[in-house]
Amino acid sequence: MHSALYTFFQDQGNIVAGLLALLAGIVAYIGAWQAAKMQVRAVNEQTEILRRQNSELRTENLRRLARESLIAIRVFSGVLNKIDTDVRQLMLECDKSRTSFLGGPGQIPVSPASITKPPLSEVLDYIRLCGQEFLDNYILLDAKVDTFRHGTALLDVNTAENTLQDFKNILEFLRNELRADAARCNAKLSETT
């Protein structure tokens, strides 16, 4: 019986070797397929982790920018309040000058100290955090104030009142822009918490 079995395997050796090779190939294929599935799963998990980290970083950057913008808004609110106080003071001087001259409006003295404001170089870091409309109008106000401060020493009351009213209009527009920016920043902070 052993010899018949030995003869059978000797005659059919190629078929048995082929079947064993096929079996080994199937086992290798299943192993490689399982390894590939595990790698894909690991890459997908890493991708999801990176996606979450990017989202958190984006949210944190938006929050940081909103906080910095709120600081800039507070700085500019103070600057605008100081300019507004000086403009109101000059308007009071215009009223006094108008009432002191019976024959008509007089003149008011204008000096560089009439309206105080920081130089643009001091507020440049903050101004970049505000919107384009605010930037354009603040630079316009800055230029007009400089022209007003460094103009003539005495200014006609009517001219002064018109100029001061322009300042008040620009200040009001800038305050509205700051309010809108503050609301937008607060909304951004509340939605990203």
C-alpha atoms as a PDB file:
ATOM      1  CA  MET A   1       0.000   0.000   0.000  1.00  0.00           C
ATOM      2  CA  HIS A   2       2.829   2.358   0.776  1.00  0.00           C
ATOM      3  CA  SER A   3       4.444   1.670  -2.505  1.00  0.00           C
ATOM      4  CA  ALA A   4       1.221   2.365  -4.414  1.00  0.00           C
ATOM      5  CA  LEU A   5       0.805   5.622  -2.571  1.00  0.00           C
ATOM      6  CA  TYR A   6       4.442   6.479  -3.187  1.00  0.00           C
ATOM      7  CA  THR A   7       4.058   5.739  -6.878  1.00  0.00           C
ATOM      8  CA  PHE A   8       0.886   7.817  -7.044  1.00  0.00           C
ATOM      9  CA  PHE A   9       2.595  10.844  -5.487  1.00  0.00           C
ATOM     10  CA  GLN A  10       5.605  10.356  -7.655  1.00  0.00           C
ATOM     11  CA  ASP A  11       3.453  10.284 -10.781  1.00  0.00           C
ATOM     12  CA  GLN A  12       1.182  13.161  -9.662  1.00  0.00           C
ATOM     13  CA  GLY A  13       3.936  15.265  -7.989  1.00  0.00           C
ATOM     14  CA  ASN A  14       3.482  18.205 -10.316  1.00  0.00           C
ATOM     15  CA  ILE A  15      -0.235  18.369  -9.644  1.00  0.00           C
ATOM     16  CA  VAL A  16       0.280  18.121  -5.863  1.00  0.00           C
ATOM     17  CA  ALA A  17       3.015  20.795  -6.013  1.00  0.00           C
ATOM     18  CA  GLY A  18       0.733  23.004  -8.108  1.00  0.00           C
ATOM     19  CA  LEU A  19      -2.120  22.588  -5.646  1.00  0.00           C
ATOM     20  CA  LEU A  20       0.183  23.379  -2.737  1.00  0.00           C
ATOM     21  CA  ALA A  21       1.493  26.434  -4.605  1.00  0.00           C
ATOM     22  CA  LEU A  22      -2.085  27.514  -5.352  1.00  0.00           C
ATOM     23  CA  LEU A  23      -2.970  27.123  -1.681  1.00  0.00           C
ATOM     24  CA  ALA A  24       0.110  29.137  -0.693  1.00  0.00           C
ATOM     25  CA  GLY A  25      -0.859  31.820  -3.236  1.00  0.00           C
ATOM     26  CA  ILE A  26      -4.387  32.051  -1.844  1.00  0.00           C
ATOM     27  CA  VAL A  27      -3.045  32.354   1.717  1.00  0.00           C
ATOM     28  CA  ALA A  28      -0.560  35.055   0.581  1.00  0.00           C
ATOM     29  CA  TYR A  29      -3.319  36.924  -1.278  1.00  0.00           C
ATOM     30  CA  ILE A  30      -5.632  36.888   1.741  1.00  0.00           C
ATOM     31  CA  GLY A  31      -2.790  38.030   3.990  1.00  0.00           C
ATOM     32  CA  ALA A  32      -1.815  40.862   1.640  1.00  0.00           C
ATOM     33  CA  TRP A  33      -5.474  41.897   1.262  1.00  0.00           C
ATOM     34  CA  GLN A  34      -5.922  41.995   5.046  1.00  0.00           C
ATOM     35  CA  ALA A  35      -2.691  44.014   5.419  1.00  0.00           C
ATOM     36  CA  ALA A  36      -3.836  46.446   2.735  1.00  0.00           C
ATOM     37  CA  LYS A  37      -7.207  46.856   4.474  1.00  0.00           C
ATOM     38  CA  MET A  38      -5.417  47.574   7.751  1.00  0.00           C
ATOM     39  CA  GLN A  39      -3.157  50.137   6.052  1.00  0.00           C
ATOM     40  CA  VAL A  40      -6.123  51.865   4.406  1.00  0.00           C
ATOM     41  CA  ARG A  41      -7.948  51.946   7.738  1.00  0.00           C
ATOM     42  CA  ALA A  42      -4.854  53.412   9.449  1.00  0.00           C
ATOM     43  CA  VAL A  43      -4.429  56.057   6.733  1.00  0.00           C
ATOM     44  CA  ASN A  44      -8.121  56.970   6.966  1.00  0.00           C
ATOM     45  CA  GLU A  45      -7.829  57.335  10.745  1.00  0.00           C
ATOM     46  CA  GLN A  46      -4.729  59.522  10.368  1.00  0.00           C
ATOM     47  CA  THR A  47      -6.495  61.613   7.727  1.00  0.00           C
ATOM     48  CA  GLU A  48      -9.489  62.113  10.004  1.00  0.00           C
ATOM     49  CA  ILE A  49      -7.215  63.098  12.896  1.00  0.00           C
ATOM     50  CA  LEU A  50      -5.414  65.610  10.660  1.00  0.00           C
ATOM     51  CA  ARG A  51      -8.744  66.943   9.385  1.00  0.00           C
ATOM     52  CA  ARG A  52      -9.904  67.499  12.980  1.00  0.00           C
ATOM     53  CA  GLN A  53      -6.592  69.158  13.906  1.00  0.00           C
ATOM     54  CA  ASN A  54      -6.815  71.458  10.879  1.00  0.00           C
ATOM     55  CA  SER A  55     -10.369  72.373  11.803  1.00  0.00           C
ATOM     56  CA  GLU A  56      -9.311  73.113  15.386  1.00  0.00           C
ATOM     57  CA  LEU A  57      -6.361  75.201  14.172  1.00  0.00           C
ATOM     58  CA  ARG A  58      -8.594  77.108  11.763  1.00  0.00           C
ATOM     59  CA  THR A  59     -11.095  77.753  14.538  1.00  0.00           C
ATOM     60  CA  GLU A  60      -8.356  78.868  16.925  1.00  0.00           C
ATOM     61  CA  ASN A  61      -6.902  81.192  14.276  1.00  0.00           C
ATOM     62  CA  LEU A  62     -10.335  82.730  13.708  1.00  0.00           C
ATOM     63  CA  ARG A  63     -10.767  83.193  17.452  1.00  0.00           C
ATOM     64  CA  ARG A  64      -7.310  84.768  17.778  1.00  0.00           C
ATOM     65  CA  LEU A  65      -8.008  87.123  14.882  1.00  0.00           C
ATOM     66  CA  ALA A  66     -11.387  88.062  16.383  1.00  0.00           C
ATOM     67  CA  ARG A  67      -9.755  88.780  19.774  1.00  0.00           C
ATOM     68  CA  GLU A  68      -7.046  90.890  18.128  1.00  0.00           C
ATOM     69  CA  SER A  69      -9.685  92.726  16.117  1.00  0.00           C
ATOM     70  CA  LEU A  70     -11.642  93.483  19.292  1.00  0.00           C
ATOM     71  CA  ILE A  71      -8.481  94.939  20.832  1.00  0.00           C
ATOM     72  CA  ALA A  72      -7.989  97.104  17.731  1.00  0.00           C
ATOM     73  CA  ILE A  73     -11.622  98.206  17.937  1.00  0.00           C
ATOM     74  CA  ARG A  74     -11.129  99.274  21.562  1.00  0.00           C
ATOM     75  CA  VAL A  75      -7.976 101.171  20.667  1.00  0.00           C
ATOM     76  CA  PHE A  76      -9.707 102.986  17.823  1.00  0.00           C
ATOM     77  CA  SER A  77     -12.761 103.680  19.974  1.00  0.00           C
ATOM     78  CA  GLY A  78     -10.466 105.528  22.365  1.00  0.00           C
ATOM     79  CA  VAL A  79      -8.760 107.401  19.538  1.00  0.00           C
ATOM     80  CA  LEU A  80     -12.107 108.398  18.005  1.00  0.00           C
ATOM     81  CA  ASN A  81     -13.455 109.484  21.403  1.00  0.00           C
ATOM     82  CA  LYS A  82     -10.433 111.738  21.947  1.00  0.00           C
ATOM     83  CA  ILE A  83     -10.767 113.290  18.485  1.00  0.00           C
ATOM     84  CA  ASP A  84     -14.517 113.742  19.075  1.00  0.00           C
ATOM     85  CA  THR A  85     -13.856 115.470  22.409  1.00  0.00           C
ATOM     86  CA  ASP A  86     -11.430 117.869  20.723  1.00  0.00           C
ATOM     87  CA  VAL A  87     -13.890 118.538  17.869  1.00  0.00           C
ATOM     88  CA  ARG A  88     -16.675 119.271  20.364  1.00  0.00           C
ATOM     89  CA  GLN A  89     -14.389 121.628  22.255  1.00  0.00           C
ATOM     90  CA  LEU A  90     -13.572 123.497  19.052  1.00  0.00           C
ATOM     91  CA  MET A  91     -17.285 123.678  18.190  1.00  0.00           C
ATOM     92  CA  LEU A  92     -17.905 125.288  21.589  1.00  0.00           C
ATOM     93  CA  GLU A  93     -15.166 127.798  20.810  1.00  0.00           C
ATOM     94  CA  CYS A  94     -16.887 128.518  17.489  1.00  0.00           C
ATOM     95  CA  ASP A  95     -20.160 129.166  19.331  1.00  0.00           C
ATOM     96  CA  LYS A  96     -18.401 131.463  21.803  1.00  0.00           C
ATOM     97  CA  SER A  97     -16.683 133.313  18.984  1.00  0.00           C
ATOM     98  CA  ARG A  98     -19.967 133.682  17.100  1.00  0.00           C
ATOM     99  CA  THR A  99     -21.743 135.178  20.129  1.00  0.00           C
ATOM    100  CA  SER A 100     -18.883 137.468  21.126  1.00  0.00           C
ATOM    101  CA  PHE A 101     -18.883 139.386  17.833  1.00  0.00           C
ATOM    102  CA  LEU A 102     -22.053 141.314  17.258  1.00  0.00           C
ATOM    103  CA  GLY A 103     -21.194 142.326  13.730  1.00  0.00           C
ATOM    104  CA  GLY A 104     -20.736 138.762  12.492  1.00  0.00           C
ATOM    105  CA  PRO A 105     -18.758 135.616  13.062  1.00  0.00           C
ATOM    106  CA  GLY A 106     -15.190 135.955  14.207  1.00  0.00           C
ATOM    107  CA  GLN A 107     -12.227 133.696  14.004  1.00  0.00           C
ATOM    108  CA  ILE A 108     -10.952 130.927  16.213  1.00  0.00           C
ATOM    109  CA  PRO A 109      -7.318 130.061  16.884  1.00  0.00           C
ATOM    110  CA  VAL A 110      -6.159 126.731  15.449  1.00  0.00           C
ATOM    111  CA  SER A 111      -2.949 125.038  16.536  1.00  0.00           C
ATOM    112  CA  PRO A 112      -1.467 121.541  16.206  1.00  0.00           C
ATOM    113  CA  ALA A 113      -2.771 120.864  19.708  1.00  0.00           C
ATOM    114  CA  SER A 114      -6.345 121.744  18.694  1.00  0.00           C
ATOM    115  CA  ILE A 115      -7.151 118.161  17.765  1.00  0.00           C
ATOM    116  CA  THR A 116      -4.959 115.405  19.131  1.00  0.00           C
ATOM    117  CA  LYS A 117      -4.561 112.034  17.440  1.00  0.00           C
ATOM    118  CA  PRO A 118      -1.853 109.404  17.318  1.00  0.00           C
ATOM    119  CA  PRO A 119       0.430 109.268  14.289  1.00  0.00           C
ATOM    120  CA  LEU A 120      -0.503 106.634  11.726  1.00  0.00           C
ATOM    121  CA  SER A 121       2.693 104.707  12.499  1.00  0.00           C
ATOM    122  CA  GLU A 122       1.416 104.031  16.035  1.00  0.00           C
ATOM    123  CA  VAL A 123      -1.900 102.594  14.918  1.00  0.00           C
ATOM    124  CA  LEU A 124      -0.742 100.749  11.800  1.00  0.00           C
ATOM    125  CA  ASP A 125      -0.656  97.341  13.513  1.00  0.00           C
ATOM    126  CA  TYR A 126      -4.224  97.809  14.679  1.00  0.00           C
ATOM    127  CA  ILE A 127      -5.618  99.345  11.515  1.00  0.00           C
ATOM    128  CA  ARG A 128      -4.782  96.244   9.453  1.00  0.00           C
ATOM    129  CA  LEU A 129      -7.329  94.326  11.555  1.00  0.00           C
ATOM    130  CA  CYS A 130     -10.174  96.644  10.553  1.00  0.00           C
ATOM    131  CA  GLY A 131     -12.132  96.589   7.334  1.00  0.00           C
ATOM    132  CA  GLN A 132     -11.214  98.424   4.148  1.00  0.00           C
ATOM    133  CA  GLU A 133     -13.963 101.041   4.580  1.00  0.00           C
ATOM    134  CA  PHE A 134     -12.691 101.839   8.066  1.00  0.00           C
ATOM    135  CA  LEU A 135      -9.116 102.029   6.825  1.00  0.00           C
ATOM    136  CA  ASP A 136      -9.994 104.381   3.961  1.00  0.00           C
ATOM    137  CA  ASN A 137     -12.077 106.688   6.128  1.00  0.00           C
ATOM    138  CA  TYR A 138      -9.635 106.736   9.031  1.00  0.00           C
ATOM    139  CA  ILE A 139      -6.823 107.727   6.677  1.00  0.00           C
ATOM    140  CA  LEU A 140      -9.118 110.412   5.209  1.00  0.00           C
ATOM    141  CA  LEU A 141      -9.872 111.706   8.725  1.00  0.00           C
ATOM    142  CA  ASP A 142      -6.186 111.622   9.625  1.00  0.00           C
ATOM    143  CA  ALA A 143      -5.258 113.658   6.531  1.00  0.00           C
ATOM    144  CA  LYS A 144      -8.057 116.189   7.092  1.00  0.00           C
ATOM    145  CA  VAL A 145      -7.115 116.627  10.751  1.00  0.00           C
ATOM    146  CA  ASP A 146      -3.461 117.153   9.805  1.00  0.00           C
ATOM    147  CA  THR A 147      -4.480 119.742   7.203  1.00  0.00           C
ATOM    148  CA  PHE A 148      -6.738 121.464   9.745  1.00  0.00           C
ATOM    149  CA  ARG A 149      -4.097 121.476  12.486  1.00  0.00           C
ATOM    150  CA  HIS A 150      -1.299 122.760  10.291  1.00  0.00           C
ATOM    151  CA  GLY A 151      -3.308 125.309   8.319  1.00  0.00           C
ATOM    152  CA  THR A 152      -3.676 128.939   9.265  1.00  0.00           C
ATOM    153  CA  ALA A 153      -3.361 130.103  12.868  1.00  0.00           C
ATOM    154  CA  LEU A 154      -6.766 131.782  12.767  1.00  0.00           C
ATOM    155  CA  LEU A 155      -9.731 130.254  11.010  1.00  0.00           C
ATOM    156  CA  ASP A 156     -13.042 131.797  10.047  1.00  0.00           C
ATOM    157  CA  VAL A 157     -15.821 130.432  12.269  1.00  0.00           C
ATOM    158  CA  ASN A 158     -18.020 129.323   9.358  1.00  0.00           C
ATOM    159  CA  THR A 159     -15.130 127.486   7.701  1.00  0.00           C
ATOM    160  CA  ALA A 160     -14.147 125.938  11.010  1.00  0.00           C
ATOM    161  CA  GLU A 161     -17.723 124.792  11.700  1.00  0.00           C
ATOM    162  CA  ASN A 162     -18.010 123.205   8.250  1.00  0.00           C
ATOM    163  CA  THR A 163     -14.698 121.409   8.673  1.00  0.00           C
ATOM    164  CA  LEU A 164     -15.607 120.270  12.185  1.00  0.00           C
ATOM    165  CA  GLN A 165     -18.964 118.990  10.913  1.00  0.00           C
ATOM    166  CA  ASP A 166     -17.081 116.962   8.262  1.00  0.00           C
ATOM    167  CA  PHE A 167     -14.979 115.515  11.080  1.00  0.00           C
ATOM    168  CA  LYS A 168     -18.103 114.628  13.064  1.00  0.00           C
ATOM    169  CA  ASN A 169     -19.644 112.910  10.007  1.00  0.00           C
ATOM    170  CA  ILE A 170     -16.509 110.862   9.416  1.00  0.00           C
ATOM    171  CA  LEU A 171     -16.281 110.034  13.128  1.00  0.00           C
ATOM    172  CA  GLU A 172     -19.885 108.808  13.133  1.00  0.00           C
ATOM    173  CA  PHE A 173     -19.235 106.634  10.082  1.00  0.00           C
ATOM    174  CA  LEU A 174     -16.100 105.207  11.709  1.00  0.00           C
ATOM    175  CA  ARG A 175     -17.986 104.455  14.928  1.00  0.00           C
ATOM    176  CA  ASN A 176     -20.666 102.611  12.953  1.00  0.00           C
ATOM    177  CA  GLU A 177     -17.957 100.591  11.202  1.00  0.00           C
ATOM    178  CA  LEU A 178     -16.389  99.736  14.564  1.00  0.00           C
ATOM    179  CA  ARG A 179     -19.768  98.636  15.933  1.00  0.00           C
ATOM    180  CA  ALA A 180     -20.328  96.402  12.921  1.00  0.00           C
ATOM    181  CA  ASP A 181     -16.803  94.965  13.222  1.00  0.00           C
ATOM    182  CA  ALA A 182     -17.294  94.364  16.952  1.00  0.00           C
ATOM    183  CA  ALA A 183     -20.595  92.571  16.327  1.00  0.00           C
ATOM    184  CA  ARG A 184     -18.976  90.423  13.656  1.00  0.00           C
ATOM    185  CA  CYS A 185     -16.028  89.563  15.928  1.00  0.00           C
ATOM    186  CA  ASN A 186     -18.293  88.754  18.871  1.00  0.00           C
ATOM    187  CA  ALA A 187     -20.400  86.531  16.618  1.00  0.00           C
ATOM    188  CA  LYS A 188     -17.258  84.773  15.407  1.00  0.00           C
ATOM    189  CA  LEU A 189     -16.131  84.227  19.003  1.00  0.00           C
ATOM    190  CA  SER A 190     -19.520  82.890  20.077  1.00  0.00           C
ATOM    191  CA  GLU A 191     -19.892  80.523  17.118  1.00  0.00           C
ATOM    192  CA  THR A 192     -16.422  79.008  17.557  1.00  0.00           C
ATOM    193  CA  THR A 193     -16.777  78.151  21.259  1.00  0.00           C
END
